[in-house]
Amino acid sequence: MAWTYLLIAAAFEVAFALSTNASKGFTRLWPSLTAIGTTIVSVYFLSLALKTLDVGVGYTIWTGLGSLGTVTFSAILYKERLTTPKVISFVAIIGGVVGLKLSAGV
């Protein structure tokens, strides 16, 4: 279940980042409330995952998946450019996440 909790936490981390952007500096009510709510849910599920996973592994994967999801959806929703250096960096993050998952032994 720890990995399921971690994936849920990462999904809400992505929603947090996207809604924070949409809040325009927390000047728009609904995106601001969404950002706050998704943060709470994300950290809650992260805490459940960390009951089993090492904090170094769990936190790093949470932030890595959150970063990958945020960049992917930002490119789709906000038309942000995906340059070659960005793509190479994403591949490196994915490799790190896979390596941590394999080394976790859970």
N, C-alpha and C. Protein backbone atom coordinates (compact mmCIF):
# COMPACT_ATOMS: atom_id res chain seq x y z
N MET A 1 0.82 -1.22 0.00
CA MET A 1 0.00 0.00 0.00
C MET A 1 0.84 1.26 0.00
N ALA A 2 2.07 1.18 0.53
CA ALA A 2 2.90 2.37 0.63
C ALA A 2 3.14 3.01 -0.74
N TRP A 3 3.35 2.17 -1.77
CA TRP A 3 3.60 2.72 -3.10
C TRP A 3 2.33 3.33 -3.69
N THR A 4 1.20 2.76 -3.37
CA THR A 4 -0.07 3.34 -3.82
C THR A 4 -0.29 4.70 -3.17
N TYR A 5 -0.02 4.77 -1.87
CA TYR A 5 -0.14 6.05 -1.16
C TYR A 5 0.82 7.08 -1.76
N LEU A 6 2.01 6.63 -2.10
CA LEU A 6 3.00 7.55 -2.67
C LEU A 6 2.56 8.07 -4.04
N LEU A 7 1.97 7.22 -4.84
CA LEU A 7 1.47 7.66 -6.15
C LEU A 7 0.32 8.65 -5.99
N ILE A 8 -0.56 8.39 -5.05
CA ILE A 8 -1.67 9.32 -4.78
C ILE A 8 -1.10 10.67 -4.32
N ALA A 9 -0.13 10.61 -3.41
CA ALA A 9 0.50 11.84 -2.92
C ALA A 9 1.14 12.62 -4.06
N ALA A 10 1.80 11.93 -4.96
CA ALA A 10 2.45 12.60 -6.09
C ALA A 10 1.42 13.23 -7.02
N ALA A 11 0.31 12.55 -7.24
CA ALA A 11 -0.75 13.11 -8.10
C ALA A 11 -1.29 14.42 -7.49
N PHE A 12 -1.49 14.43 -6.19
CA PHE A 12 -1.97 15.64 -5.54
C PHE A 12 -0.89 16.72 -5.49
N GLU A 13 0.37 16.31 -5.49
CA GLU A 13 1.47 17.27 -5.58
C GLU A 13 1.43 18.00 -6.92
N VAL A 14 1.16 17.27 -7.98
CA VAL A 14 1.02 17.88 -9.31
C VAL A 14 -0.16 18.85 -9.32
N ALA A 15 -1.28 18.41 -8.76
CA ALA A 15 -2.46 19.28 -8.70
C ALA A 15 -2.17 20.55 -7.89
N PHE A 16 -1.39 20.40 -6.82
CA PHE A 16 -0.99 21.56 -6.02
C PHE A 16 -0.21 22.56 -6.87
N ALA A 17 0.80 22.07 -7.58
CA ALA A 17 1.65 22.97 -8.37
C ALA A 17 0.84 23.68 -9.45
N LEU A 18 0.00 22.94 -10.14
CA LEU A 18 -0.79 23.54 -11.21
C LEU A 18 -1.81 24.55 -10.68
N SER A 19 -2.42 24.23 -9.54
CA SER A 19 -3.40 25.16 -8.98
C SER A 19 -2.72 26.38 -8.37
N THR A 20 -1.49 26.21 -7.89
CA THR A 20 -0.74 27.36 -7.39
C THR A 20 -0.46 28.33 -8.53
N ASN A 21 -0.10 27.80 -9.69
CA ASN A 21 0.10 28.66 -10.86
C ASN A 21 -1.21 29.36 -11.24
N ALA A 22 -2.30 28.60 -11.24
CA ALA A 22 -3.59 29.17 -11.62
C ALA A 22 -4.10 30.20 -10.61
N SER A 23 -3.59 30.15 -9.38
CA SER A 23 -4.06 31.09 -8.35
C SER A 23 -3.54 32.51 -8.56
N LYS A 24 -2.54 32.65 -9.45
CA LYS A 24 -1.96 33.97 -9.75
C LYS A 24 -1.52 34.68 -8.47
N GLY A 25 -0.63 33.99 -7.72
CA GLY A 25 -0.12 34.58 -6.49
C GLY A 25 -1.15 34.58 -5.37
N PHE A 26 -2.01 33.59 -5.36
CA PHE A 26 -3.09 33.46 -4.38
C PHE A 26 -4.03 34.67 -4.38
N THR A 27 -4.27 35.19 -5.59
CA THR A 27 -5.21 36.30 -5.73
C THR A 27 -6.56 35.82 -6.28
N ARG A 28 -6.64 34.55 -6.69
CA ARG A 28 -7.90 33.98 -7.19
C ARG A 28 -8.37 32.93 -6.20
N LEU A 29 -9.62 33.05 -5.76
CA LEU A 29 -10.12 32.25 -4.63
C LEU A 29 -10.08 30.75 -4.88
N TRP A 30 -10.75 30.25 -5.92
CA TRP A 30 -10.89 28.80 -6.08
C TRP A 30 -9.58 28.10 -6.37
N PRO A 31 -8.74 28.63 -7.25
CA PRO A 31 -7.43 27.98 -7.41
C PRO A 31 -6.60 28.02 -6.12
N SER A 32 -6.74 29.10 -5.34
CA SER A 32 -6.02 29.20 -4.08
C SER A 32 -6.49 28.14 -3.09
N LEU A 33 -7.80 27.98 -2.98
CA LEU A 33 -8.35 26.95 -2.09
C LEU A 33 -7.98 25.55 -2.56
N THR A 34 -7.95 25.36 -3.88
CA THR A 34 -7.54 24.07 -4.43
C THR A 34 -6.08 23.79 -4.08
N ALA A 35 -5.23 24.79 -4.19
CA ALA A 35 -3.82 24.62 -3.85
C ALA A 35 -3.65 24.21 -2.39
N ILE A 36 -4.38 24.86 -1.51
CA ILE A 36 -4.29 24.53 -0.09
C ILE A 36 -4.81 23.12 0.17
N GLY A 37 -5.95 22.79 -0.41
CA GLY A 37 -6.54 21.45 -0.21
C GLY A 37 -5.68 20.34 -0.76
N THR A 38 -5.13 20.53 -1.95
CA THR A 38 -4.31 19.48 -2.54
C THR A 38 -3.00 19.31 -1.78
N THR A 39 -2.50 20.38 -1.19
CA THR A 39 -1.29 20.27 -0.36
C THR A 39 -1.56 19.39 0.85
N ILE A 40 -2.68 19.62 1.49
CA ILE A 40 -3.03 18.83 2.68
C ILE A 40 -3.17 17.36 2.32
N VAL A 41 -3.89 17.08 1.24
CA VAL A 41 -4.10 15.68 0.83
C VAL A 41 -2.77 15.04 0.44
N SER A 42 -1.95 15.76 -0.30
CA SER A 42 -0.67 15.23 -0.74
C SER A 42 0.23 14.87 0.44
N VAL A 43 0.36 15.77 1.38
CA VAL A 43 1.22 15.52 2.54
C VAL A 43 0.64 14.40 3.41
N TYR A 44 -0.67 14.31 3.50
CA TYR A 44 -1.29 13.22 4.26
C TYR A 44 -0.93 11.86 3.66
N PHE A 45 -1.10 11.72 2.34
CA PHE A 45 -0.78 10.44 1.71
C PHE A 45 0.73 10.16 1.75
N LEU A 46 1.54 11.20 1.65
CA LEU A 46 2.98 11.01 1.81
C LEU A 46 3.28 10.47 3.20
N SER A 47 2.63 11.01 4.21
CA SER A 47 2.87 10.54 5.58
C SER A 47 2.47 9.07 5.74
N LEU A 48 1.40 8.65 5.07
CA LEU A 48 1.02 7.24 5.12
C LEU A 48 2.08 6.37 4.45
N ALA A 49 2.59 6.82 3.32
CA ALA A 49 3.63 6.06 2.62
C ALA A 49 4.89 5.95 3.46
N LEU A 50 5.22 7.01 4.20
CA LEU A 50 6.45 7.02 4.98
C LEU A 50 6.37 6.19 6.24
N LYS A 51 5.20 5.64 6.54
CA LYS A 51 5.12 4.68 7.64
C LYS A 51 5.91 3.43 7.30
N THR A 52 6.00 3.13 6.00
CA THR A 52 6.68 1.92 5.54
C THR A 52 7.99 2.23 4.83
N LEU A 53 7.98 3.25 3.98
CA LEU A 53 9.16 3.57 3.18
C LEU A 53 10.15 4.41 3.96
N ASP A 54 11.42 4.29 3.60
CA ASP A 54 12.43 5.20 4.16
C ASP A 54 12.11 6.61 3.70
N VAL A 55 12.31 7.58 4.57
CA VAL A 55 11.97 8.95 4.23
C VAL A 55 12.79 9.45 3.04
N GLY A 56 14.05 9.08 2.95
CA GLY A 56 14.87 9.51 1.82
C GLY A 56 14.35 9.01 0.50
N VAL A 57 13.89 7.76 0.47
CA VAL A 57 13.33 7.17 -0.74
C VAL A 57 11.96 7.77 -1.04
N GLY A 58 11.07 7.75 -0.06
CA GLY A 58 9.70 8.22 -0.26
C GLY A 58 9.63 9.68 -0.66
N TYR A 59 10.35 10.52 0.05
CA TYR A 59 10.30 11.95 -0.24
C TYR A 59 10.90 12.25 -1.61
N THR A 60 12.00 11.61 -1.93
CA THR A 60 12.64 11.86 -3.21
C THR A 60 11.76 11.42 -4.37
N ILE A 61 11.13 10.26 -4.24
CA ILE A 61 10.24 9.80 -5.30
C ILE A 61 9.02 10.72 -5.40
N TRP A 62 8.49 11.15 -4.28
CA TRP A 62 7.33 12.06 -4.26
C TRP A 62 7.66 13.35 -5.01
N THR A 63 8.80 13.94 -4.70
CA THR A 63 9.15 15.18 -5.37
C THR A 63 9.50 14.95 -6.84
N GLY A 64 10.15 13.81 -7.13
CA GLY A 64 10.50 13.51 -8.52
C GLY A 64 9.28 13.31 -9.39
N LEU A 65 8.35 12.48 -8.90
CA LEU A 65 7.11 12.26 -9.66
C LEU A 65 6.29 13.54 -9.75
N GLY A 66 6.27 14.31 -8.68
CA GLY A 66 5.57 15.58 -8.71
C GLY A 66 6.16 16.53 -9.74
N SER A 67 7.48 16.55 -9.82
CA SER A 67 8.15 17.40 -10.81
C SER A 67 7.85 16.95 -12.23
N LEU A 68 7.96 15.65 -12.46
CA LEU A 68 7.68 15.13 -13.80
C LEU A 68 6.24 15.41 -14.22
N GLY A 69 5.31 15.17 -13.33
CA GLY A 69 3.90 15.42 -13.64
C GLY A 69 3.63 16.89 -13.88
N THR A 70 4.24 17.73 -13.07
CA THR A 70 4.03 19.17 -13.22
C THR A 70 4.56 19.67 -14.55
N VAL A 71 5.73 19.22 -14.92
CA VAL A 71 6.31 19.66 -16.20
C VAL A 71 5.48 19.14 -17.37
N THR A 72 5.06 17.90 -17.28
CA THR A 72 4.26 17.30 -18.35
C THR A 72 2.94 18.06 -18.53
N PHE A 73 2.21 18.24 -17.43
CA PHE A 73 0.92 18.92 -17.53
C PHE A 73 1.06 20.41 -17.81
N SER A 74 2.15 21.02 -17.36
CA SER A 74 2.39 22.43 -17.69
C SER A 74 2.59 22.61 -19.20
N ALA A 75 3.27 21.64 -19.81
CA ALA A 75 3.46 21.70 -21.26
C ALA A 75 2.13 21.57 -21.98
N ILE A 76 1.26 20.73 -21.46
CA ILE A 76 -0.05 20.51 -22.10
C ILE A 76 -1.00 21.68 -21.82
N LEU A 77 -1.14 22.05 -20.55
CA LEU A 77 -2.13 23.06 -20.17
C LEU A 77 -1.68 24.49 -20.43
N TYR A 78 -0.40 24.77 -20.18
CA TYR A 78 0.09 26.14 -20.26
C TYR A 78 1.02 26.37 -21.45
N LYS A 79 1.15 25.34 -22.30
CA LYS A 79 1.97 25.43 -23.51
C LYS A 79 3.43 25.79 -23.22
N GLU A 80 3.94 25.31 -22.08
CA GLU A 80 5.35 25.53 -21.77
C GLU A 80 6.20 24.64 -22.67
N ARG A 81 7.33 25.15 -23.10
CA ARG A 81 8.19 24.42 -24.05
C ARG A 81 8.96 23.31 -23.37
N LEU A 82 9.03 22.16 -24.04
CA LEU A 82 9.88 21.06 -23.60
C LEU A 82 11.13 21.05 -24.48
N THR A 83 12.20 21.57 -23.94
CA THR A 83 13.45 21.63 -24.69
C THR A 83 14.25 20.34 -24.49
N THR A 84 15.25 20.14 -25.31
CA THR A 84 16.09 18.95 -25.20
C THR A 84 16.73 18.82 -23.81
N PRO A 85 17.31 19.88 -23.25
CA PRO A 85 17.87 19.74 -21.90
C PRO A 85 16.81 19.35 -20.86
N LYS A 86 15.60 19.87 -21.01
CA LYS A 86 14.53 19.49 -20.08
C LYS A 86 14.20 18.00 -20.21
N VAL A 87 14.08 17.52 -21.43
CA VAL A 87 13.75 16.11 -21.65
C VAL A 87 14.86 15.21 -21.10
N ILE A 88 16.11 15.57 -21.32
CA ILE A 88 17.22 14.79 -20.79
C ILE A 88 17.17 14.77 -19.26
N SER A 89 16.85 15.89 -18.66
CA SER A 89 16.73 15.96 -17.20
C SER A 89 15.58 15.10 -16.69
N PHE A 90 14.47 15.09 -17.43
CA PHE A 90 13.33 14.25 -17.03
C PHE A 90 13.70 12.78 -17.07
N VAL A 91 14.43 12.39 -18.10
CA VAL A 91 14.88 11.00 -18.21
C VAL A 91 15.77 10.64 -17.02
N ALA A 92 16.63 11.57 -16.63
CA ALA A 92 17.50 11.34 -15.47
C ALA A 92 16.67 11.18 -14.19
N ILE A 93 15.62 12.00 -14.04
CA ILE A 93 14.75 11.88 -12.87
C ILE A 93 14.05 10.53 -12.87
N ILE A 94 13.54 10.12 -14.01
CA ILE A 94 12.87 8.82 -14.10
C ILE A 94 13.84 7.70 -13.72
N GLY A 95 15.07 7.78 -14.23
CA GLY A 95 16.08 6.79 -13.87
C GLY A 95 16.34 6.76 -12.37
N GLY A 96 16.40 7.92 -11.76
CA GLY A 96 16.59 8.00 -10.31
C GLY A 96 15.43 7.42 -9.53
N VAL A 97 14.22 7.70 -9.98
CA VAL A 97 13.03 7.16 -9.32
C VAL A 97 13.01 5.64 -9.42
N VAL A 98 13.29 5.12 -10.62
CA VAL A 98 13.32 3.66 -10.80
C VAL A 98 14.42 3.05 -9.93
N GLY A 99 15.58 3.68 -9.90
CA GLY A 99 16.68 3.18 -9.05
C GLY A 99 16.31 3.16 -7.58
N LEU A 100 15.66 4.21 -7.11
CA LEU A 100 15.24 4.25 -5.70
C LEU A 100 14.18 3.19 -5.41
N LYS A 101 13.25 3.02 -6.33
CA LYS A 101 12.21 1.99 -6.14
C LYS A 101 12.85 0.61 -6.04
N LEU A 102 13.80 0.33 -6.92
CA LEU A 102 14.47 -0.97 -6.91
C LEU A 102 15.32 -1.17 -5.66
N SER A 103 15.89 -0.10 -5.15
CA SER A 103 16.75 -0.21 -3.98
C SER A 103 15.98 -0.23 -2.67
N ALA A 104 14.69 0.14 -2.72
CA ALA A 104 13.90 0.24 -1.48
C ALA A 104 13.59 -1.12 -0.90
N GLY A 105 13.46 -2.14 -1.73
CA GLY A 105 13.18 -3.47 -1.23
C GLY A 105 11.80 -3.65 -0.64
N VAL A 106 10.89 -2.74 -0.91
CA VAL A 106 9.52 -2.84 -0.37
C VAL A 106 8.56 -3.06 -1.51
